[in-house]
Amino acid sequence: MPRFFLAATTLAIMLAAASISAAPVTAQESFPTKPIRIINPLPAGSAVDVVARMVGEQLTGLWRQQVVVENRPGAGGALAAQAVANAPPDGYTLLVGAGTIFTILPAQQNKLAIDVNRDLVPIGLMGGGAMYLAVPPSLGVSSLPEFVALAKSRPREIVVGTNGAGTLPHFAALALAKMGDVPITVVPYATGGTMAAISDIMGGRVHATIESMSALRGAVEAGDLKLIAVMSPERAPIFPDLPTAAETVPGLSAVGFMSLAAPAGTPEYVVRRLSEGLRYALQTPVVKQRLDEFDMQRPILTPAETKAYIENEEKLWWPLVKEIESK
């Protein structure tokens, strides 16, 4: 065979191989080509909502495509999760959720029409932080031991308002009641979430709430609420003098996280593109500063690392959720 033919054939094969290997890159570069919806199962003003909108703004600037957040609360996050799981797996409909959608909700099989581990693919974590127990100054307590003593002196009269049923704040309050043998009444707010609970605290109808610092900061700084415990294994660096809940109720801890997910079947290059975009957004100065203000960590995880993290959280929470719900 003539040498020039061999050379031409080799060149043709190389060009074909380069064309094939370049196809995913070209496709990746073309995503996104239209607006992206991030469906949030929590109300406007919640920690997840605030962070999702900040990240969305950064992604809009990065990709020159509008990234909008759509609030769709209800059923502990099941409605939003199902909507995303049933959406086309193209990366244009995403779920941002508190960790409970991926850890607590799956343990409540009768409340979920989908399997989040099967029907959703993790993209990355958007932040994480501890829950705080806060009370109004008018309650007359300054510590968790005092709060527990008050609750025991008035069984079931002390009301703790939380985010919706099935969320981490809700189960953190139930865990406080169970693990600490504290006779409180826990009221999850299906409408308005923590913001509605805080409003009722101001109106004297509720006596305490449990939430992340991002949701509580405004009321705390205004003097309407004061923190009496942080529900992390160790004291928070921003409040070194604030005791942990575990110092009063051994083993009591509630540390939340926020995760971004897409429908199962979303192409790998799209998931990778979304993951890279999220990484970029979390490292921008405006987002870093706001998350620091909210006492939130910024774990930069790959999709595979996010999946492993969620699986570990499931192992921690499922036994407690099933035990509480069996009562």
Protein backbone atom coordinates (compact mmCIF):
# COMPACT_ATOMS: atom_id res chain seq x y z
CA MET A 1 0.00 0.00 0.00
CA PRO A 2 1.45 3.44 -0.95
CA ARG A 3 2.98 5.33 1.94
CA PHE A 4 0.88 8.45 1.26
CA PHE A 5 -2.30 6.33 1.55
CA LEU A 6 -1.18 4.98 4.91
CA ALA A 7 -0.48 8.51 6.06
CA ALA A 8 -3.83 9.74 4.82
CA THR A 9 -5.64 6.83 6.46
CA THR A 10 -3.85 7.43 9.75
CA LEU A 11 -4.71 11.12 9.58
CA ALA A 12 -8.36 10.33 8.88
CA ILE A 13 -8.52 7.97 11.87
CA MET A 14 -6.89 10.59 14.11
CA LEU A 15 -9.31 13.27 12.98
CA ALA A 16 -12.28 10.97 13.52
CA ALA A 17 -11.07 10.06 17.01
CA ALA A 18 -10.51 13.72 17.83
CA SER A 19 -14.00 14.53 16.57
CA ILE A 20 -15.56 11.82 18.75
CA SER A 21 -13.60 12.82 21.86
CA ALA A 22 -14.43 16.47 21.30
CA ALA A 23 -18.19 15.92 21.04
CA PRO A 24 -18.89 15.86 24.79
CA VAL A 25 -16.75 18.97 25.27
CA THR A 26 -18.73 20.82 22.63
CA ALA A 27 -21.98 19.68 24.23
CA GLN A 28 -20.74 20.70 27.65
CA GLU A 29 -19.75 24.11 26.41
CA SER A 30 -23.25 24.61 25.00
CA PHE A 31 -24.94 23.97 28.37
CA PRO A 32 -26.92 25.88 29.44
CA THR A 33 -28.66 27.38 26.43
CA LYS A 34 -31.87 28.42 28.21
CA PRO A 35 -33.02 29.41 31.72
CA ILE A 36 -32.62 26.97 34.61
CA ARG A 37 -35.22 26.47 37.33
CA ILE A 38 -34.14 25.60 40.86
CA ILE A 39 -37.13 24.28 42.78
CA ASN A 40 -36.97 24.98 46.51
CA PRO A 41 -39.31 23.05 48.85
CA LEU A 42 -39.05 25.72 51.56
CA PRO A 43 -40.71 29.15 51.78
CA ALA A 44 -39.13 32.42 50.73
CA GLY A 45 -36.79 33.76 53.39
CA SER A 46 -35.65 30.36 54.61
CA ALA A 47 -31.94 29.58 54.78
CA VAL A 48 -32.15 27.35 51.72
CA ASP A 49 -34.02 30.05 49.80
CA VAL A 50 -31.49 32.78 50.64
CA VAL A 51 -28.47 30.68 49.67
CA ALA A 52 -30.13 29.29 46.53
CA ARG A 53 -30.86 32.80 45.27
CA MET A 54 -27.30 33.96 45.94
CA VAL A 55 -25.92 30.96 44.05
CA GLY A 56 -28.46 31.50 41.28
CA GLU A 57 -27.31 35.09 40.82
CA GLN A 58 -23.70 33.99 40.47
CA LEU A 59 -24.60 31.27 37.96
CA THR A 60 -26.68 33.72 35.95
CA GLY A 61 -23.64 35.96 35.62
CA LEU A 62 -21.36 33.04 34.81
CA TRP A 63 -23.52 31.38 32.16
CA ARG A 64 -25.45 34.40 30.83
CA GLN A 65 -28.61 32.37 31.29
CA GLN A 66 -31.24 33.18 33.90
CA VAL A 67 -31.16 30.87 36.93
CA VAL A 68 -34.40 31.32 38.87
CA VAL A 69 -35.55 29.89 42.20
CA GLU A 70 -39.12 28.65 42.42
CA ASN A 71 -40.56 28.06 45.90
CA ARG A 72 -42.79 25.02 46.10
CA PRO A 73 -43.29 24.14 49.80
CA GLY A 74 -45.40 21.28 51.11
CA ALA A 75 -45.31 17.70 52.35
CA GLY A 76 -41.91 18.10 53.98
CA GLY A 77 -40.27 18.61 50.61
CA ALA A 78 -41.90 15.64 48.89
CA LEU A 79 -43.82 17.80 46.38
CA ALA A 80 -40.70 19.58 45.17
CA ALA A 81 -38.62 16.41 45.09
CA GLN A 82 -41.24 14.59 43.04
CA ALA A 83 -41.57 17.50 40.62
CA VAL A 84 -37.85 17.46 39.91
CA ALA A 85 -37.62 13.67 39.75
CA ASN A 86 -40.36 13.68 37.10
CA ALA A 87 -38.82 16.54 35.08
CA PRO A 88 -36.85 15.93 31.87
CA PRO A 89 -33.31 14.85 32.79
CA ASP A 90 -31.62 17.68 30.92
CA GLY A 91 -30.24 19.83 33.75
CA TYR A 92 -32.77 22.63 33.37
CA THR A 93 -34.90 21.66 36.38
CA LEU A 94 -33.00 21.21 39.62
CA LEU A 95 -33.84 20.61 43.27
CA VAL A 96 -32.26 22.54 46.08
CA GLY A 97 -33.11 21.04 49.39
CA ALA A 98 -32.27 20.95 53.02
CA GLY A 99 -30.53 17.71 53.87
CA THR A 100 -33.73 16.28 55.33
CA ILE A 101 -35.10 15.66 51.83
CA PHE A 102 -32.23 13.25 51.30
CA THR A 103 -31.87 11.88 54.82
CA ILE A 104 -35.10 12.11 56.85
CA LEU A 105 -37.77 12.05 54.16
CA PRO A 106 -36.65 8.72 52.66
CA ALA A 107 -37.10 7.12 56.09
CA GLN A 108 -40.78 8.10 55.91
CA GLN A 109 -41.56 5.81 52.99
CA ASN A 110 -45.32 6.26 53.31
CA LYS A 111 -44.87 10.01 52.66
CA LEU A 112 -42.72 9.78 49.56
CA ALA A 113 -43.81 8.63 46.13
CA ILE A 114 -40.25 8.52 44.82
CA ASP A 115 -36.91 7.10 45.90
CA VAL A 116 -34.57 10.10 46.14
CA ASN A 117 -31.50 7.86 46.00
CA ARG A 118 -32.74 6.31 42.77
CA ASP A 119 -34.64 9.18 41.14
CA LEU A 120 -32.26 12.08 41.82
CA VAL A 121 -28.54 12.53 41.17
CA PRO A 122 -26.51 14.73 43.56
CA ILE A 123 -24.63 17.71 42.14
CA GLY A 124 -23.00 19.13 45.25
CA LEU A 125 -23.49 20.67 48.68
CA MET A 126 -24.36 24.36 48.92
CA GLY A 127 -23.44 24.80 52.55
CA GLY A 128 -24.07 23.42 55.97
CA GLY A 129 -24.45 24.55 59.52
CA ALA A 130 -25.77 23.76 62.97
CA MET A 131 -29.26 24.34 64.28
CA TYR A 132 -29.74 26.81 67.15
CA LEU A 133 -32.37 26.89 69.88
CA ALA A 134 -33.70 30.42 70.33
CA VAL A 135 -36.24 31.95 72.72
CA PRO A 136 -37.67 35.44 73.25
CA PRO A 137 -36.19 37.43 76.16
CA SER A 138 -39.68 37.57 77.66
CA LEU A 139 -39.59 33.82 78.35
CA GLY A 140 -37.21 34.51 81.20
CA VAL A 141 -34.65 31.76 80.51
CA SER A 142 -31.02 32.21 79.55
CA SER A 143 -29.82 28.63 79.07
CA LEU A 144 -30.99 25.24 77.92
CA PRO A 145 -31.05 23.85 81.49
CA GLU A 146 -33.37 26.70 82.49
CA PHE A 147 -35.53 26.03 79.43
CA VAL A 148 -35.76 22.33 80.29
CA ALA A 149 -36.68 23.16 83.90
CA LEU A 150 -39.40 25.55 82.73
CA ALA A 151 -40.83 22.97 80.35
CA LYS A 152 -40.93 20.34 83.10
CA SER A 153 -42.70 22.75 85.42
CA ARG A 154 -45.34 23.39 82.72
CA PRO A 155 -45.71 20.07 80.85
CA ARG A 156 -46.84 20.48 77.21
CA GLU A 157 -47.45 24.20 77.68
CA ILE A 158 -44.13 25.32 76.19
CA VAL A 159 -44.51 25.39 72.42
CA VAL A 160 -41.58 25.07 70.03
CA GLY A 161 -42.45 26.24 66.52
CA THR A 162 -40.38 24.88 63.67
CA ASN A 163 -40.13 24.63 59.93
CA GLY A 164 -42.51 22.17 58.24
CA ALA A 165 -43.06 18.58 59.30
CA GLY A 166 -40.20 16.29 58.34
CA THR A 167 -37.56 19.03 58.20
CA LEU A 168 -34.41 18.97 60.31
CA PRO A 169 -35.60 21.72 62.71
CA HIS A 170 -38.81 19.74 63.27
CA PHE A 171 -36.96 16.51 64.05
CA ALA A 172 -34.36 18.38 66.12
CA ALA A 173 -37.19 19.59 68.35
CA LEU A 174 -38.63 16.07 68.55
CA ALA A 175 -35.16 14.75 69.40
CA LEU A 176 -34.84 17.36 72.17
CA ALA A 177 -38.15 16.22 73.61
CA LYS A 178 -37.29 12.53 73.40
CA MET A 179 -33.60 12.46 74.26
CA GLY A 180 -33.89 15.05 77.02
CA ASP A 181 -37.27 13.88 78.32
CA VAL A 182 -38.51 17.45 77.86
CA PRO A 183 -42.34 17.73 77.81
CA ILE A 184 -42.64 20.39 75.10
CA THR A 185 -45.24 20.69 72.34
CA VAL A 186 -43.66 20.78 68.87
CA VAL A 187 -45.60 22.62 66.17
CA PRO A 188 -44.28 22.41 62.58
CA TYR A 189 -45.49 25.19 60.29
CA ALA A 190 -46.68 23.92 56.93
CA THR A 191 -47.15 27.49 55.70
CA GLY A 192 -44.52 30.12 56.30
CA GLY A 193 -42.08 27.78 58.01
CA THR A 194 -39.68 29.28 60.53
CA MET A 195 -40.64 32.83 59.63
CA ALA A 196 -44.24 32.09 60.65
CA ALA A 197 -42.99 30.51 63.88
CA ILE A 198 -40.92 33.60 64.69
CA SER A 199 -43.94 35.79 64.01
CA ASP A 200 -45.97 33.75 66.49
CA ILE A 201 -43.15 34.02 69.03
CA MET A 202 -43.40 37.80 68.71
CA GLY A 203 -47.14 37.47 69.26
CA GLY A 204 -46.67 35.40 72.41
CA ARG A 205 -48.28 32.25 70.99
CA VAL A 206 -45.03 30.26 70.67
CA HIS A 207 -42.13 30.09 73.12
CA ALA A 208 -39.11 28.91 71.13
CA THR A 209 -37.83 27.84 67.74
CA ILE A 210 -34.98 25.81 66.28
CA GLU A 211 -33.27 26.89 63.07
CA SER A 212 -30.00 27.73 61.37
CA MET A 213 -28.26 31.03 62.00
CA SER A 214 -29.15 32.28 58.51
CA ALA A 215 -32.85 32.23 59.38
CA LEU A 216 -32.44 33.50 62.96
CA ARG A 217 -29.82 36.21 62.56
CA GLY A 218 -32.22 39.07 61.85
CA ALA A 219 -34.42 38.38 64.88
CA VAL A 220 -31.39 37.77 67.10
CA GLU A 221 -29.66 40.99 66.06
CA ALA A 222 -32.92 42.91 66.59
CA GLY A 223 -33.14 41.55 70.13
CA ASP A 224 -36.40 39.71 69.46
CA LEU A 225 -34.76 36.33 70.04
CA LYS A 226 -31.75 35.12 72.01
CA LEU A 227 -29.76 31.95 71.50
CA ILE A 228 -29.58 29.48 74.36
CA ALA A 229 -27.87 26.51 72.68
CA VAL A 230 -26.16 25.42 69.47
CA MET A 231 -26.95 21.91 68.28
CA SER A 232 -23.50 21.02 66.93
CA PRO A 233 -21.07 18.53 68.47
CA GLU A 234 -18.74 21.41 69.38
CA ARG A 235 -19.30 25.06 70.23
CA ALA A 236 -19.65 27.41 67.29
CA PRO A 237 -16.57 29.57 66.59
CA ILE A 238 -18.76 32.67 66.16
CA PHE A 239 -20.37 32.08 69.58
CA PRO A 240 -17.66 30.46 71.71
CA ASP A 241 -19.53 31.17 74.95
CA LEU A 242 -22.77 29.56 73.75
CA PRO A 243 -23.08 26.01 75.14
CA THR A 244 -23.95 23.09 72.92
CA ALA A 245 -27.22 21.26 73.42
CA ALA A 246 -25.20 18.12 74.09
CA GLU A 247 -23.76 19.72 77.22
CA THR A 248 -27.27 19.45 78.67
CA VAL A 249 -28.68 16.53 76.67
CA PRO A 250 -25.82 14.13 75.85
CA GLY A 251 -25.73 13.03 72.23
CA LEU A 252 -28.19 15.67 71.00
CA SER A 253 -26.94 17.16 67.75
CA ALA A 254 -28.53 18.57 64.59
CA VAL A 255 -26.29 19.86 61.81
CA GLY A 256 -27.97 20.60 58.52
CA PHE A 257 -26.77 20.86 54.96
CA MET A 258 -28.15 22.02 51.64
CA SER A 259 -27.74 20.00 48.48
CA LEU A 260 -28.36 20.57 44.79
CA ALA A 261 -29.69 17.66 42.72
CA ALA A 262 -30.92 16.86 39.22
CA PRO A 263 -33.26 14.17 37.87
CA ALA A 264 -31.69 10.74 37.49
CA GLY A 265 -30.57 10.15 33.93
CA THR A 266 -29.16 13.66 33.52
CA PRO A 267 -26.11 13.36 31.21
CA GLU A 268 -22.80 13.14 33.00
CA TYR A 269 -21.38 16.18 31.23
CA VAL A 270 -24.37 18.26 32.37
CA VAL A 271 -23.96 17.10 35.97
CA ARG A 272 -20.26 17.95 35.73
CA ARG A 273 -21.03 21.37 34.28
CA LEU A 274 -23.52 22.08 37.08
CA SER A 275 -21.04 20.88 39.69
CA GLU A 276 -18.34 23.16 38.29
CA GLY A 277 -20.78 26.08 38.27
CA LEU A 278 -21.73 25.45 41.89
CA ARG A 279 -18.06 25.27 42.85
CA TYR A 280 -17.49 28.63 41.16
CA ALA A 281 -20.48 30.25 42.90
CA LEU A 282 -19.46 29.04 46.36
CA GLN A 283 -16.00 30.52 45.92
CA THR A 284 -17.13 34.00 44.88
CA PRO A 285 -16.45 36.65 47.56
CA VAL A 286 -20.10 37.66 47.93
CA VAL A 287 -21.28 34.10 48.61
CA LYS A 288 -18.33 33.27 50.87
CA GLN A 289 -18.96 36.39 52.96
CA ARG A 290 -22.68 35.70 53.30
CA LEU A 291 -22.18 32.07 54.27
CA ASP A 292 -19.65 33.15 56.89
CA GLU A 293 -22.24 35.56 58.29
CA PHE A 294 -24.72 32.67 58.43
CA ASP A 295 -22.20 30.44 60.25
CA MET A 296 -22.28 28.04 57.32
CA GLN A 297 -19.48 25.86 56.10
CA ARG A 298 -18.70 25.69 52.37
CA PRO A 299 -17.91 22.05 51.61
CA ILE A 300 -16.76 21.83 48.00
CA LEU A 301 -17.66 18.26 47.02
CA THR A 302 -17.86 16.41 43.73
CA PRO A 303 -21.13 14.65 42.84
CA ALA A 304 -19.63 11.32 43.97
CA GLU A 305 -18.44 12.81 47.26
CA THR A 306 -21.85 14.39 47.80
CA LYS A 307 -23.54 11.04 47.28
CA ALA A 308 -21.25 9.41 49.86
CA TYR A 309 -21.88 12.24 52.33
CA ILE A 310 -25.66 11.87 52.02
CA GLU A 311 -25.46 8.10 52.46
CA ASN A 312 -23.53 8.61 55.70
CA GLU A 313 -26.14 11.10 56.97
CA GLU A 314 -28.89 8.57 56.22
CA LYS A 315 -27.17 6.06 58.48
CA LEU A 316 -27.14 8.61 61.30
CA TRP A 317 -30.75 9.83 61.05
CA TRP A 318 -32.87 6.93 59.84
CA PRO A 319 -32.83 4.93 63.10
CA LEU A 320 -33.89 8.00 65.14
CA VAL A 321 -36.59 9.01 62.64
CA LYS A 322 -38.09 5.53 62.60
CA GLU A 323 -37.98 5.34 66.41
CA ILE A 324 -39.69 8.73 66.85
CA GLU A 325 -42.35 7.98 64.27
CA SER A 326 -43.11 4.58 65.80
CA LYS A 327 -44.19 6.20 69.05
